[in-house]
Amino acid sequence: MFTKSQEVGASAITDLLREDHKTVKGLFEEFEQADDAKAKLRIVEAALAELEVHAKLEEELIYPAIRAEIGDEDLMDEALEEHHVVHGLLGELKKMKPSDERYDAKFTVLAENVRHHIKEEESEMFPQAEEAEIDWEALSAQVTKRKGQLRAKAGAPSKNGSDKVSKKK
């Protein structure tokens, strides 16, 4: 049976990831409504920055901790392959301008891929992870520290302290 602190720690990590998911889905919706190149560029740049930080946190810290405990190699491998596809699209978009012929299409494909990935994480991976015996407190501390480093490196502003994994009581 899990202690209350384990449950709180697990939800702190999955809540952080869900908040990131909500942010990027909001950016995808903004892009779909945008009708000028300047707005699209701003949205794409914001989405790319968010996705890069989020993916690094998952790949470096969160996925290894989850993989070690849930025993679902196929799920974890598929998540990493989805990240691989997203990284390819991110790299291509970084080299493009909103006036490029397939810019909108490429960002739309990125959004579709990420939405699919989010759905799988939230419906399959997170429930398994939340039941796993992971040192959530240590993982939360690592994720908080690393997210701050990645955002600083990217020149991304801290979002009113939302970079911290909150400890619920």
N, C-alpha and C. Protein backbone atom coordinates (compact mmCIF):
# COMPACT_ATOMS: atom_id res chain seq x y z
N MET A 1 0.85 -1.20 0.00
CA MET A 1 0.00 0.00 0.00
C MET A 1 0.88 1.24 0.00
N PHE A 2 0.44 2.24 -0.67
CA PHE A 2 1.22 3.47 -0.79
C PHE A 2 0.90 4.43 0.33
N THR A 3 1.93 5.14 0.73
CA THR A 3 1.74 6.16 1.74
C THR A 3 1.16 7.40 1.08
N LYS A 4 0.62 8.27 1.90
CA LYS A 4 0.06 9.52 1.39
C LYS A 4 1.14 10.34 0.68
N SER A 5 2.36 10.34 1.21
CA SER A 5 3.42 11.13 0.58
C SER A 5 3.79 10.57 -0.79
N GLN A 6 3.71 9.23 -0.97
CA GLN A 6 3.97 8.65 -2.29
C GLN A 6 2.91 9.10 -3.29
N GLU A 7 1.65 9.08 -2.86
CA GLU A 7 0.55 9.51 -3.73
C GLU A 7 0.71 10.98 -4.11
N VAL A 8 1.07 11.81 -3.13
CA VAL A 8 1.26 13.24 -3.37
C VAL A 8 2.43 13.45 -4.33
N GLY A 9 3.52 12.73 -4.13
CA GLY A 9 4.68 12.86 -5.00
C GLY A 9 4.38 12.45 -6.43
N ALA A 10 3.67 11.34 -6.58
CA ALA A 10 3.30 10.87 -7.92
C ALA A 10 2.42 11.89 -8.61
N SER A 11 1.43 12.40 -7.89
CA SER A 11 0.53 13.36 -8.53
C SER A 11 1.24 14.67 -8.82
N ALA A 12 2.26 15.03 -8.03
CA ALA A 12 3.01 16.25 -8.31
C ALA A 12 3.70 16.16 -9.66
N ILE A 13 4.30 15.01 -9.96
CA ILE A 13 4.97 14.82 -11.25
C ILE A 13 3.95 14.75 -12.38
N THR A 14 2.92 13.92 -12.23
CA THR A 14 1.95 13.79 -13.33
C THR A 14 1.15 15.07 -13.51
N ASP A 15 0.91 15.81 -12.44
CA ASP A 15 0.23 17.11 -12.57
C ASP A 15 1.09 18.10 -13.34
N LEU A 16 2.40 18.10 -13.08
CA LEU A 16 3.32 18.97 -13.81
C LEU A 16 3.28 18.64 -15.30
N LEU A 17 3.33 17.35 -15.62
CA LEU A 17 3.30 16.94 -17.02
C LEU A 17 1.96 17.29 -17.67
N ARG A 18 0.88 17.08 -16.93
CA ARG A 18 -0.45 17.43 -17.47
C ARG A 18 -0.56 18.93 -17.72
N GLU A 19 0.03 19.73 -16.86
CA GLU A 19 0.01 21.19 -17.04
C GLU A 19 0.80 21.57 -18.30
N ASP A 20 1.95 20.93 -18.50
CA ASP A 20 2.71 21.14 -19.74
C ASP A 20 1.87 20.75 -20.95
N HIS A 21 1.18 19.62 -20.85
CA HIS A 21 0.34 19.17 -21.95
C HIS A 21 -0.74 20.20 -22.27
N LYS A 22 -1.35 20.71 -21.22
CA LYS A 22 -2.40 21.73 -21.39
C LYS A 22 -1.84 22.97 -22.09
N THR A 23 -0.63 23.37 -21.70
CA THR A 23 0.01 24.54 -22.30
C THR A 23 0.22 24.34 -23.80
N VAL A 24 0.79 23.19 -24.19
CA VAL A 24 1.07 22.99 -25.62
C VAL A 24 -0.21 22.78 -26.41
N LYS A 25 -1.20 22.14 -25.83
CA LYS A 25 -2.47 21.99 -26.55
C LYS A 25 -3.12 23.36 -26.77
N GLY A 26 -2.97 24.25 -25.80
CA GLY A 26 -3.47 25.61 -25.96
C GLY A 26 -2.76 26.34 -27.09
N LEU A 27 -1.44 26.13 -27.19
CA LEU A 27 -0.67 26.74 -28.28
C LEU A 27 -1.10 26.17 -29.64
N PHE A 28 -1.39 24.87 -29.69
CA PHE A 28 -1.86 24.28 -30.95
C PHE A 28 -3.19 24.92 -31.37
N GLU A 29 -4.07 25.12 -30.40
CA GLU A 29 -5.36 25.74 -30.70
C GLU A 29 -5.18 27.19 -31.16
N GLU A 30 -4.26 27.91 -30.50
CA GLU A 30 -3.97 29.29 -30.92
C GLU A 30 -3.49 29.33 -32.36
N PHE A 31 -2.62 28.39 -32.72
CA PHE A 31 -2.08 28.34 -34.08
C PHE A 31 -3.21 28.13 -35.09
N GLU A 32 -4.12 27.23 -34.74
CA GLU A 32 -5.24 26.94 -35.65
C GLU A 32 -6.12 28.17 -35.88
N GLN A 33 -6.16 29.09 -34.92
CA GLN A 33 -6.97 30.30 -35.03
C GLN A 33 -6.19 31.47 -35.63
N ALA A 34 -4.87 31.39 -35.61
CA ALA A 34 -4.03 32.51 -36.07
C ALA A 34 -4.13 32.66 -37.59
N ASP A 35 -4.10 33.91 -38.03
CA ASP A 35 -4.20 34.12 -39.47
C ASP A 35 -3.09 34.98 -40.04
N ASP A 36 -2.09 35.32 -39.22
CA ASP A 36 -0.97 36.07 -39.78
C ASP A 36 0.35 35.41 -39.40
N ALA A 37 1.34 35.60 -40.25
CA ALA A 37 2.63 34.94 -40.10
C ALA A 37 3.33 35.30 -38.80
N LYS A 38 3.22 36.54 -38.37
CA LYS A 38 3.89 36.97 -37.14
C LYS A 38 3.34 36.21 -35.92
N ALA A 39 2.02 36.10 -35.85
CA ALA A 39 1.40 35.37 -34.74
C ALA A 39 1.78 33.89 -34.79
N LYS A 40 1.76 33.31 -35.98
CA LYS A 40 2.11 31.90 -36.12
C LYS A 40 3.55 31.65 -35.68
N LEU A 41 4.45 32.53 -36.07
CA LEU A 41 5.85 32.37 -35.68
C LEU A 41 6.00 32.41 -34.16
N ARG A 42 5.35 33.37 -33.51
CA ARG A 42 5.40 33.47 -32.05
C ARG A 42 4.87 32.19 -31.39
N ILE A 43 3.76 31.68 -31.90
CA ILE A 43 3.14 30.48 -31.34
C ILE A 43 4.04 29.27 -31.54
N VAL A 44 4.58 29.13 -32.75
CA VAL A 44 5.45 28.00 -33.04
C VAL A 44 6.70 28.05 -32.16
N GLU A 45 7.31 29.21 -32.03
CA GLU A 45 8.50 29.32 -31.18
C GLU A 45 8.19 28.96 -29.74
N ALA A 46 7.06 29.41 -29.24
CA ALA A 46 6.66 29.07 -27.86
C ALA A 46 6.43 27.57 -27.72
N ALA A 47 5.74 26.98 -28.67
CA ALA A 47 5.45 25.54 -28.62
C ALA A 47 6.75 24.73 -28.69
N LEU A 48 7.67 25.12 -29.57
CA LEU A 48 8.92 24.38 -29.69
C LEU A 48 9.72 24.44 -28.39
N ALA A 49 9.76 25.61 -27.77
CA ALA A 49 10.48 25.75 -26.49
C ALA A 49 9.84 24.87 -25.41
N GLU A 50 8.53 24.91 -25.32
CA GLU A 50 7.82 24.10 -24.32
C GLU A 50 8.07 22.61 -24.55
N LEU A 51 7.95 22.19 -25.81
CA LEU A 51 8.10 20.77 -26.12
C LEU A 51 9.53 20.28 -25.88
N GLU A 52 10.51 21.11 -26.17
CA GLU A 52 11.90 20.69 -25.95
C GLU A 52 12.20 20.48 -24.47
N VAL A 53 11.76 21.40 -23.64
CA VAL A 53 11.99 21.27 -22.19
C VAL A 53 11.24 20.04 -21.67
N HIS A 54 9.98 19.92 -22.04
CA HIS A 54 9.14 18.81 -21.58
C HIS A 54 9.75 17.46 -21.99
N ALA A 55 10.16 17.35 -23.25
CA ALA A 55 10.72 16.09 -23.74
C ALA A 55 12.02 15.73 -23.01
N LYS A 56 12.88 16.72 -22.79
CA LYS A 56 14.13 16.45 -22.07
C LYS A 56 13.86 15.94 -20.65
N LEU A 57 12.90 16.55 -19.97
CA LEU A 57 12.57 16.10 -18.62
C LEU A 57 12.11 14.65 -18.64
N GLU A 58 11.24 14.33 -19.59
CA GLU A 58 10.75 12.96 -19.67
C GLU A 58 11.87 11.99 -20.03
N GLU A 59 12.66 12.33 -21.03
CA GLU A 59 13.69 11.42 -21.51
C GLU A 59 14.83 11.23 -20.50
N GLU A 60 15.23 12.30 -19.84
CA GLU A 60 16.37 12.22 -18.92
C GLU A 60 16.00 11.68 -17.54
N LEU A 61 14.84 12.04 -17.04
CA LEU A 61 14.51 11.75 -15.64
C LEU A 61 13.25 10.91 -15.45
N ILE A 62 12.17 11.34 -16.04
CA ILE A 62 10.87 10.75 -15.72
C ILE A 62 10.70 9.36 -16.33
N TYR A 63 10.94 9.23 -17.63
CA TYR A 63 10.79 7.91 -18.26
C TYR A 63 11.69 6.85 -17.65
N PRO A 64 12.98 7.14 -17.40
CA PRO A 64 13.80 6.09 -16.79
C PRO A 64 13.26 5.63 -15.42
N ALA A 65 12.76 6.57 -14.63
CA ALA A 65 12.21 6.21 -13.32
C ALA A 65 10.95 5.35 -13.48
N ILE A 66 10.12 5.71 -14.44
CA ILE A 66 8.88 4.95 -14.67
C ILE A 66 9.21 3.58 -15.26
N ARG A 67 10.07 3.57 -16.28
CA ARG A 67 10.42 2.31 -16.96
C ARG A 67 10.91 1.27 -15.95
N ALA A 68 11.74 1.69 -15.02
CA ALA A 68 12.33 0.77 -14.04
C ALA A 68 11.27 0.11 -13.17
N GLU A 69 10.11 0.72 -13.05
CA GLU A 69 9.10 0.21 -12.11
C GLU A 69 7.85 -0.39 -12.74
N ILE A 70 7.46 0.03 -13.94
CA ILE A 70 6.16 -0.45 -14.45
C ILE A 70 6.26 -1.72 -15.28
N GLY A 71 7.43 -2.02 -15.83
CA GLY A 71 7.59 -3.27 -16.57
C GLY A 71 6.82 -3.33 -17.88
N ASP A 72 6.52 -2.20 -18.49
CA ASP A 72 5.83 -2.17 -19.78
C ASP A 72 6.79 -1.59 -20.82
N GLU A 73 7.70 -2.44 -21.27
CA GLU A 73 8.74 -2.00 -22.20
C GLU A 73 8.15 -1.46 -23.50
N ASP A 74 7.10 -2.11 -24.01
CA ASP A 74 6.50 -1.66 -25.27
C ASP A 74 5.96 -0.24 -25.15
N LEU A 75 5.27 0.05 -24.07
CA LEU A 75 4.71 1.38 -23.85
C LEU A 75 5.82 2.43 -23.78
N MET A 76 6.87 2.12 -23.04
CA MET A 76 7.97 3.07 -22.87
C MET A 76 8.75 3.26 -24.18
N ASP A 77 8.96 2.16 -24.91
CA ASP A 77 9.66 2.26 -26.19
C ASP A 77 8.85 3.07 -27.20
N GLU A 78 7.55 2.85 -27.22
CA GLU A 78 6.69 3.61 -28.14
C GLU A 78 6.71 5.09 -27.79
N ALA A 79 6.69 5.42 -26.51
CA ALA A 79 6.75 6.83 -26.10
C ALA A 79 8.04 7.48 -26.58
N LEU A 80 9.15 6.77 -26.46
CA LEU A 80 10.43 7.31 -26.91
C LEU A 80 10.48 7.46 -28.43
N GLU A 81 9.86 6.52 -29.16
CA GLU A 81 9.81 6.64 -30.62
C GLU A 81 8.94 7.83 -31.04
N GLU A 82 7.87 8.06 -30.29
CA GLU A 82 7.03 9.24 -30.57
C GLU A 82 7.84 10.52 -30.32
N HIS A 83 8.65 10.53 -29.29
CA HIS A 83 9.53 11.67 -29.03
C HIS A 83 10.50 11.85 -30.20
N HIS A 84 11.04 10.75 -30.71
CA HIS A 84 11.98 10.80 -31.83
C HIS A 84 11.34 11.49 -33.04
N VAL A 85 10.11 11.13 -33.35
CA VAL A 85 9.39 11.74 -34.47
C VAL A 85 9.19 13.24 -34.20
N VAL A 86 8.79 13.58 -32.99
CA VAL A 86 8.57 14.98 -32.63
C VAL A 86 9.87 15.77 -32.73
N HIS A 87 10.97 15.21 -32.27
CA HIS A 87 12.27 15.90 -32.37
C HIS A 87 12.61 16.21 -33.83
N GLY A 88 12.32 15.27 -34.72
CA GLY A 88 12.57 15.50 -36.14
C GLY A 88 11.76 16.67 -36.67
N LEU A 89 10.49 16.70 -36.31
CA LEU A 89 9.62 17.80 -36.75
C LEU A 89 10.07 19.13 -36.14
N LEU A 90 10.47 19.10 -34.87
CA LEU A 90 10.95 20.33 -34.22
C LEU A 90 12.17 20.87 -34.96
N GLY A 91 13.10 20.00 -35.29
CA GLY A 91 14.31 20.42 -36.00
C GLY A 91 13.99 21.03 -37.35
N GLU A 92 13.05 20.43 -38.06
CA GLU A 92 12.66 20.96 -39.36
C GLU A 92 11.96 22.30 -39.23
N LEU A 93 11.08 22.42 -38.27
CA LEU A 93 10.35 23.69 -38.07
C LEU A 93 11.29 24.83 -37.70
N LYS A 94 12.33 24.52 -36.93
CA LYS A 94 13.29 25.56 -36.52
C LYS A 94 13.98 26.18 -37.73
N LYS A 95 14.13 25.41 -38.80
CA LYS A 95 14.81 25.89 -39.99
C LYS A 95 13.87 26.59 -40.97
N MET A 96 12.59 26.60 -40.65
CA MET A 96 11.59 27.15 -41.58
C MET A 96 11.10 28.52 -41.15
N LYS A 97 10.45 29.19 -42.08
CA LYS A 97 9.78 30.48 -41.83
C LYS A 97 8.30 30.27 -42.09
N PRO A 98 7.44 31.09 -41.48
CA PRO A 98 6.00 30.95 -41.71
C PRO A 98 5.61 31.06 -43.18
N SER A 99 6.42 31.70 -43.99
CA SER A 99 6.11 31.84 -45.41
C SER A 99 6.48 30.60 -46.22
N ASP A 100 7.21 29.66 -45.61
CA ASP A 100 7.57 28.44 -46.32
C ASP A 100 6.33 27.62 -46.66
N GLU A 101 6.41 26.95 -47.79
CA GLU A 101 5.25 26.26 -48.35
C GLU A 101 4.55 25.29 -47.39
N ARG A 102 5.29 24.47 -46.68
CA ARG A 102 4.64 23.46 -45.84
C ARG A 102 4.77 23.75 -44.35
N TYR A 103 5.03 25.00 -43.98
CA TYR A 103 5.18 25.39 -42.57
C TYR A 103 3.93 25.04 -41.76
N ASP A 104 2.79 25.51 -42.21
CA ASP A 104 1.54 25.24 -41.49
C ASP A 104 1.27 23.74 -41.41
N ALA A 105 1.47 23.05 -42.52
CA ALA A 105 1.22 21.61 -42.55
C ALA A 105 2.14 20.87 -41.57
N LYS A 106 3.40 21.27 -41.54
CA LYS A 106 4.35 20.60 -40.65
C LYS A 106 3.98 20.83 -39.19
N PHE A 107 3.59 22.06 -38.85
CA PHE A 107 3.19 22.32 -37.47
C PHE A 107 1.91 21.56 -37.12
N THR A 108 1.00 21.44 -38.07
CA THR A 108 -0.23 20.69 -37.85
C THR A 108 0.07 19.22 -37.59
N VAL A 109 1.00 18.66 -38.35
CA VAL A 109 1.40 17.26 -38.15
C VAL A 109 2.07 17.10 -36.77
N LEU A 110 2.90 18.07 -36.41
CA LEU A 110 3.50 18.06 -35.06
C LEU A 110 2.40 18.03 -34.01
N ALA A 111 1.43 18.91 -34.14
CA ALA A 111 0.34 18.99 -33.17
C ALA A 111 -0.42 17.66 -33.09
N GLU A 112 -0.70 17.05 -34.23
CA GLU A 112 -1.42 15.76 -34.24
C GLU A 112 -0.61 14.68 -33.51
N ASN A 113 0.69 14.64 -33.80
CA ASN A 113 1.56 13.66 -33.15
C ASN A 113 1.61 13.87 -31.65
N VAL A 114 1.77 15.11 -31.23
CA VAL A 114 1.88 15.41 -29.80
C VAL A 114 0.55 15.13 -29.10
N ARG A 115 -0.56 15.49 -29.72
CA ARG A 115 -1.87 15.20 -29.10
C ARG A 115 -2.06 13.70 -28.89
N HIS A 116 -1.66 12.90 -29.88
CA HIS A 116 -1.75 11.44 -29.76
C HIS A 116 -0.87 10.95 -28.60
N HIS A 117 0.34 11.47 -28.54
CA HIS A 117 1.29 11.09 -27.49
C HIS A 117 0.74 11.46 -26.11
N ILE A 118 0.18 12.64 -25.99
CA ILE A 118 -0.40 13.09 -24.72
C ILE A 118 -1.52 12.15 -24.28
N LYS A 119 -2.37 11.79 -25.23
CA LYS A 119 -3.50 10.89 -24.91
C LYS A 119 -2.99 9.56 -24.35
N GLU A 120 -1.96 9.01 -24.99
CA GLU A 120 -1.41 7.74 -24.51
C GLU A 120 -0.74 7.89 -23.15
N GLU A 121 0.03 8.95 -22.97
CA GLU A 121 0.67 9.15 -21.67
C GLU A 121 -0.37 9.25 -20.56
N GLU A 122 -1.37 10.09 -20.78
CA GLU A 122 -2.34 10.36 -19.72
C GLU A 122 -3.28 9.18 -19.46
N SER A 123 -3.57 8.38 -20.48
CA SER A 123 -4.51 7.27 -20.29
C SER A 123 -3.83 5.94 -19.95
N GLU A 124 -2.57 5.77 -20.37
CA GLU A 124 -1.90 4.50 -20.15
C GLU A 124 -0.70 4.59 -19.20
N MET A 125 0.22 5.51 -19.51
CA MET A 125 1.46 5.56 -18.74
C MET A 125 1.26 6.13 -17.34
N PHE A 126 0.60 7.27 -17.24
CA PHE A 126 0.46 7.93 -15.94
C PHE A 126 -0.26 7.05 -14.91
N PRO A 127 -1.37 6.39 -15.28
CA PRO A 127 -2.02 5.54 -14.27
C PRO A 127 -1.09 4.44 -13.75
N GLN A 128 -0.29 3.85 -14.64
CA GLN A 128 0.66 2.82 -14.19
C GLN A 128 1.75 3.44 -13.31
N ALA A 129 2.24 4.58 -13.73
CA ALA A 129 3.31 5.24 -12.97
C ALA A 129 2.84 5.64 -11.58
N GLU A 130 1.62 6.14 -11.50
CA GLU A 130 1.09 6.59 -10.21
C GLU A 130 0.92 5.45 -9.21
N GLU A 131 0.88 4.22 -9.72
CA GLU A 131 0.77 3.05 -8.85
C GLU A 131 2.14 2.45 -8.52
N ALA A 132 3.17 2.92 -9.17
CA ALA A 132 4.51 2.35 -9.01
C ALA A 132 5.21 2.89 -7.76
N GLU A 133 6.13 2.07 -7.26
CA GLU A 133 6.91 2.47 -6.09
C GLU A 133 8.17 3.18 -6.55
N ILE A 134 8.01 4.47 -6.83
CA ILE A 134 9.09 5.32 -7.28
C ILE A 134 9.39 6.30 -6.16
N ASP A 135 10.65 6.69 -6.03
CA ASP A 135 11.00 7.71 -5.04
C ASP A 135 10.55 9.06 -5.61
N TRP A 136 9.28 9.35 -5.45
CA TRP A 136 8.67 10.52 -6.06
C TRP A 136 9.26 11.82 -5.52
N GLU A 137 9.60 11.83 -4.25
CA GLU A 137 10.14 13.05 -3.67
C GLU A 137 11.49 13.41 -4.32
N ALA A 138 12.34 12.42 -4.47
CA ALA A 138 13.64 12.65 -5.10
C ALA A 138 13.45 13.02 -6.58
N LEU A 139 12.54 12.33 -7.26
CA LEU A 139 12.28 12.62 -8.66
C LEU A 139 11.74 14.04 -8.82
N SER A 140 10.84 14.44 -7.94
CA SER A 140 10.29 15.80 -7.99
C SER A 140 11.39 16.85 -7.85
N ALA A 141 12.31 16.60 -6.93
CA ALA A 141 13.42 17.55 -6.72
C ALA A 141 14.29 17.62 -7.97
N GLN A 142 14.59 16.47 -8.56
CA GLN A 142 15.41 16.44 -9.78
C GLN A 142 14.72 17.16 -10.93
N VAL A 143 13.43 16.89 -11.10
CA VAL A 143 12.67 17.49 -12.20
C VAL A 143 12.58 19.00 -12.04
N THR A 144 12.31 19.45 -10.83
CA THR A 144 12.23 20.89 -10.57
C THR A 144 13.54 21.58 -10.91
N LYS A 145 14.64 21.01 -10.44
CA LYS A 145 15.97 21.59 -10.69
C LYS A 145 16.27 21.59 -12.19
N ARG A 146 16.04 20.47 -12.85
CA ARG A 146 16.38 20.34 -14.27
C ARG A 146 15.50 21.24 -15.13
N LYS A 147 14.25 21.36 -14.79
CA LYS A 147 13.36 22.22 -15.57
C LYS A 147 13.83 23.67 -15.50
N GLY A 148 14.26 24.10 -14.33
CA GLY A 148 14.80 25.45 -14.18
C GLY A 148 16.04 25.65 -15.04
N GLN A 149 16.92 24.65 -15.05
CA GLN A 149 18.14 24.73 -15.86
C GLN A 149 17.81 24.81 -17.34
N LEU A 150 16.89 23.97 -17.79
CA LEU A 150 16.54 23.93 -19.21
C LEU A 150 15.87 25.22 -19.65
N ARG A 151 14.99 25.76 -18.81
CA ARG A 151 14.31 27.01 -19.16
C ARG A 151 15.32 28.16 -19.20
N ALA A 152 16.26 28.17 -18.27
CA ALA A 152 17.28 29.22 -18.25
C ALA A 152 18.15 29.13 -19.50
N LYS A 153 18.54 27.93 -19.86
CA LYS A 153 19.37 27.71 -21.04
C LYS A 153 18.65 28.15 -22.31
N ALA A 154 17.35 27.89 -22.37
CA ALA A 154 16.55 28.24 -23.54
C ALA A 154 16.16 29.72 -23.53
N GLY A 155 16.45 30.39 -22.41
CA GLY A 155 16.07 31.80 -22.29
C GLY A 155 14.58 31.96 -22.07
N ALA A 156 13.94 30.86 -21.66
CA ALA A 156 12.50 30.90 -21.41
C ALA A 156 12.25 31.43 -20.00
N PRO A 157 11.32 32.34 -19.87
CA PRO A 157 11.02 32.86 -18.54
C PRO A 157 10.30 31.82 -17.69
N SER A 158 10.55 31.89 -16.42
CA SER A 158 9.80 31.05 -15.48
C SER A 158 8.37 31.54 -15.47
N LYS A 159 7.45 30.60 -15.50
CA LYS A 159 6.04 30.98 -15.54
C LYS A 159 5.45 31.11 -14.14
N ASN A 160 5.73 32.20 -13.49
CA ASN A 160 5.18 32.49 -12.16
C ASN A 160 5.33 31.32 -11.19
N GLY A 161 6.49 30.70 -11.21
CA GLY A 161 6.73 29.62 -10.27
C GLY A 161 6.11 28.30 -10.68
N SER A 162 5.45 28.24 -11.84
CA SER A 162 4.82 26.99 -12.24
C SER A 162 5.86 25.97 -12.69
N ASP A 163 7.13 26.37 -12.72
CA ASP A 163 8.18 25.43 -13.05
C ASP A 163 8.46 24.50 -11.89
N LYS A 164 7.98 24.84 -10.74
CA LYS A 164 8.23 24.02 -9.56
C LYS A 164 7.17 22.94 -9.46
N VAL A 165 7.61 21.77 -9.05
CA VAL A 165 6.68 20.68 -8.79
C VAL A 165 6.11 20.97 -7.42
N SER A 166 4.84 21.26 -7.38
CA SER A 166 4.24 21.67 -6.10
C SER A 166 4.06 20.49 -5.17
N LYS A 167 4.20 20.74 -3.91
CA LYS A 167 3.94 19.71 -2.89
C LYS A 167 2.59 20.02 -2.28
N LYS A 168 1.65 19.11 -2.57
CA LYS A 168 0.30 19.30 -2.02
C LYS A 168 0.24 18.70 -0.63
N LYS A 169 -0.57 19.32 0.18
CA LYS A 169 -0.72 18.78 1.53
C LYS A 169 -2.02 18.05 1.66
